[in-house]
N, C-alpha and C. Protein backbone atom coordinates (compact mmCIF):
# COMPACT_ATOMS: atom_id res chain seq x y z
N MET A 1 117.28 88.29 91.17
CA MET A 1 116.04 87.88 92.27
C MET A 1 115.28 87.43 91.70
N ARG A 2 114.93 86.38 92.15
CA ARG A 2 113.86 85.33 91.97
C ARG A 2 112.45 85.60 91.84
N LEU A 3 111.43 85.19 91.35
CA LEU A 3 110.12 85.94 91.51
C LEU A 3 109.64 85.32 93.09
N ASN A 4 110.25 84.41 93.37
CA ASN A 4 109.55 83.50 94.52
C ASN A 4 110.02 84.73 95.48
N GLU A 5 111.13 84.99 95.53
CA GLU A 5 112.08 85.78 96.51
C GLU A 5 111.21 87.42 96.69
N LEU A 6 110.93 87.89 95.32
CA LEU A 6 110.55 89.07 95.75
C LEU A 6 109.02 88.75 95.71
N LEU A 7 108.26 87.56 95.82
CA LEU A 7 106.89 87.59 96.30
C LEU A 7 106.69 87.52 97.85
N ALA A 8 108.19 86.63 98.53
CA ALA A 8 107.97 86.79 99.52
C ALA A 8 108.26 88.25 100.17
N GLN A 9 109.13 88.97 99.80
CA GLN A 9 109.68 90.41 100.06
C GLN A 9 108.04 91.29 100.16
N GLU A 10 107.47 91.08 98.96
CA GLU A 10 106.37 91.65 99.09
C GLU A 10 104.99 91.67 100.25
N GLU A 11 105.34 89.91 100.47
CA GLU A 11 104.33 89.48 101.66
C GLU A 11 105.00 90.01 103.09
N HIS A 12 106.25 90.04 103.06
CA HIS A 12 106.80 90.70 104.33
C HIS A 12 106.34 91.98 104.80
N ALA A 13 106.32 92.55 103.54
CA ALA A 13 106.00 94.17 103.57
C ALA A 13 104.62 94.33 104.06
N ARG A 14 103.81 93.74 102.99
CA ARG A 14 102.37 93.99 103.56
C ARG A 14 102.17 93.31 105.07
N ASP A 15 102.69 92.53 105.46
CA ASP A 15 102.26 92.08 106.59
C ASP A 15 102.92 93.22 107.69
N GLU A 16 104.16 93.61 107.50
CA GLU A 16 104.71 95.11 108.36
C GLU A 16 103.66 96.07 108.55
N MET A 17 102.97 96.35 107.13
CA MET A 17 102.36 97.55 107.26
C MET A 17 100.96 97.22 107.92
N LEU A 18 99.87 96.24 107.51
CA LEU A 18 99.23 95.58 108.40
C LEU A 18 99.03 95.57 109.89
N ARG A 19 100.44 95.07 110.30
CA ARG A 19 100.51 94.98 112.12
C ARG A 19 100.77 96.25 112.47
N PHE A 20 101.33 97.24 111.69
CA PHE A 20 101.67 98.82 112.36
C PHE A 20 100.74 99.28 112.97
N ALA A 21 101.23 99.93 114.09
CA ALA A 21 100.34 100.14 115.02
C ALA A 21 99.73 101.82 114.93
N VAL A 22 98.88 102.48 114.43
CA VAL A 22 98.75 103.88 114.14
C VAL A 22 98.99 104.48 115.69
N GLU A 23 99.83 105.51 115.32
CA GLU A 23 100.07 106.66 115.97
C GLU A 23 99.77 107.85 115.90
N SER A 24 99.11 108.45 115.02
CA SER A 24 98.65 109.48 114.23
C SER A 24 97.69 109.17 113.53
N ILE A 25 96.98 110.69 113.26
CA ILE A 25 95.68 110.61 111.69
C ILE A 25 96.13 110.35 110.85
N GLU A 26 97.50 110.84 110.71
CA GLU A 26 97.83 110.95 109.41
C GLU A 26 98.33 109.10 109.00
N ASP A 27 98.94 108.30 109.96
CA ASP A 27 99.14 107.39 109.98
C ASP A 27 97.80 106.09 109.79
N CYS A 28 96.50 106.74 110.45
CA CYS A 28 95.46 105.97 110.35
C CYS A 28 94.84 106.19 108.80
N ALA A 29 95.07 107.60 108.37
CA ALA A 29 94.70 107.91 106.96
C ALA A 29 94.95 106.95 106.05
N ALA A 30 96.89 107.10 105.98
CA ALA A 30 97.48 106.37 104.98
C ALA A 30 97.01 104.90 104.91
N LYS A 31 96.89 104.36 106.26
CA LYS A 31 96.71 102.87 106.28
C LYS A 31 95.10 102.27 106.07
N ALA A 32 94.06 103.25 106.13
CA ALA A 32 92.69 103.26 105.55
C ALA A 32 92.99 103.25 104.08
N GLU A 33 93.17 104.28 103.83
CA GLU A 33 93.89 104.37 102.20
C GLU A 33 94.21 103.02 101.68
N HIS A 34 95.19 102.46 102.20
CA HIS A 34 95.60 100.91 101.63
C HIS A 34 94.91 100.13 101.62
N LEU A 35 93.90 100.17 103.04
CA LEU A 35 93.11 98.73 102.88
C LEU A 35 91.70 99.07 102.15
N ARG A 36 91.50 100.43 101.63
CA ARG A 36 90.47 100.50 100.95
C ARG A 36 90.85 100.37 99.33
N TRP A 37 92.15 100.26 99.34
CA TRP A 37 92.38 100.03 97.73
C TRP A 37 93.01 98.65 97.74
N LEU A 38 93.28 97.32 98.67
CA LEU A 38 92.96 96.05 98.67
C LEU A 38 91.75 95.63 98.55
N LEU A 39 90.64 96.40 99.23
CA LEU A 39 89.46 95.87 99.24
C LEU A 39 88.81 95.85 97.89
N ASN A 40 89.17 97.21 97.40
CA ASN A 40 88.31 97.44 96.18
C ASN A 40 89.40 96.31 94.96
N GLU A 41 90.61 96.03 95.05
CA GLU A 41 91.21 94.92 94.50
C GLU A 41 90.39 93.52 94.30
N GLY A 42 89.77 93.57 95.69
CA GLY A 42 88.81 92.06 95.48
C GLY A 42 89.72 91.17 96.32
N ASP A 43 90.66 91.30 96.29
CA ASP A 43 91.85 89.80 97.08
C ASP A 43 93.03 90.34 98.16
N SER A 44 92.37 90.89 99.26
CA SER A 44 93.48 91.28 100.00
C SER A 44 94.40 90.41 100.85
N GLY A 45 94.07 89.13 100.34
CA GLY A 45 94.98 88.36 100.39
C GLY A 45 95.00 87.77 102.59
N LEU A 46 93.94 88.35 102.99
CA LEU A 46 93.77 87.84 104.18
C LEU A 46 93.09 87.21 104.98
N GLU A 47 92.98 86.65 105.64
CA GLU A 47 91.98 85.35 105.75
C GLU A 47 90.88 86.19 106.85
N ASP A 48 89.99 85.81 106.88
CA ASP A 48 88.60 86.57 107.63
C ASP A 48 88.96 86.71 109.11
N ALA A 49 89.70 85.48 109.82
CA ALA A 49 90.02 85.65 111.20
C ALA A 49 91.15 87.01 111.77
N ASP A 50 91.64 87.06 110.42
CA ASP A 50 92.82 88.21 110.37
C ASP A 50 92.30 89.60 110.04
N TRP A 51 91.40 89.64 109.91
CA TRP A 51 90.47 90.97 109.58
C TRP A 51 90.52 91.47 111.46
N ASN A 52 90.01 91.08 112.23
CA ASN A 52 90.03 91.32 113.63
C ASN A 52 91.14 91.79 114.22
N LEU A 53 92.21 91.25 113.87
CA LEU A 53 93.71 91.61 114.26
C LEU A 53 94.02 92.87 113.71
N LEU A 54 93.97 92.80 112.37
CA LEU A 54 93.98 94.16 111.34
C LEU A 54 93.18 95.13 112.03
N LEU A 55 91.87 95.14 112.42
CA LEU A 55 91.28 96.43 112.83
C LEU A 55 91.84 96.76 114.10
N GLN A 56 92.32 95.92 114.91
CA GLN A 56 92.70 95.86 116.53
C GLN A 56 93.68 96.86 116.47
N SER A 57 94.58 96.98 115.22
CA SER A 57 95.64 97.70 115.32
C SER A 57 95.60 99.37 114.78
N PHE A 58 94.16 99.50 114.62
CA PHE A 58 94.14 100.70 114.68
C PHE A 58 93.33 101.18 115.85
N VAL A 59 93.21 100.78 116.94
CA VAL A 59 93.15 101.28 118.32
C VAL A 59 94.14 100.90 119.37
N ASN A 60 94.62 99.84 119.14
CA ASN A 60 95.79 99.43 119.96
C ASN A 60 97.49 100.48 120.06
N SER A 61 97.92 100.73 120.67
CA SER A 61 99.01 101.27 120.69
C SER A 61 100.65 100.45 120.62
N THR A 62 99.98 99.28 120.62
CA THR A 62 101.09 98.27 120.63
C THR A 62 100.97 97.36 119.16
N PRO A 63 101.80 97.05 118.67
CA PRO A 63 101.67 96.34 117.27
C PRO A 63 101.15 95.04 117.50
N VAL A 64 100.58 94.44 116.30
CA VAL A 64 99.83 93.29 116.63
C VAL A 64 101.15 92.06 116.77
N ALA A 65 101.16 91.08 116.98
CA ALA A 65 102.24 90.25 117.13
C ALA A 65 102.83 89.67 115.60
N ALA A 66 104.06 89.47 115.70
CA ALA A 66 104.62 88.95 114.31
C ALA A 66 103.84 87.76 113.69
N GLY A 67 103.17 87.57 112.71
CA GLY A 67 103.14 86.45 112.15
C GLY A 67 101.83 86.15 112.05
N ALA A 68 100.95 87.52 112.67
CA ALA A 68 99.52 87.55 112.88
C ALA A 68 99.06 87.44 111.03
N PHE A 69 99.61 87.63 110.49
CA PHE A 69 98.79 87.53 109.22
C PHE A 69 99.66 86.75 107.85
N SER A 70 100.28 85.88 108.35
CA SER A 70 101.01 85.27 107.31
C SER A 70 99.95 83.87 107.11
């Protein structure tokens, strides 16, 4: 598999996780831990405008629209 294909798969997986609407305290904790890791790394890959949509995924019961973090 080529590197660009692997990078595309990684981006897709990250976007799926970020859009996932939490349904339990365990989901919330896992997602928050991952976000903390991204912030500690200093490069989340998110635009400032995406943070609002991301935070909404913690309180909305439906997933954020596909492609919102692309």
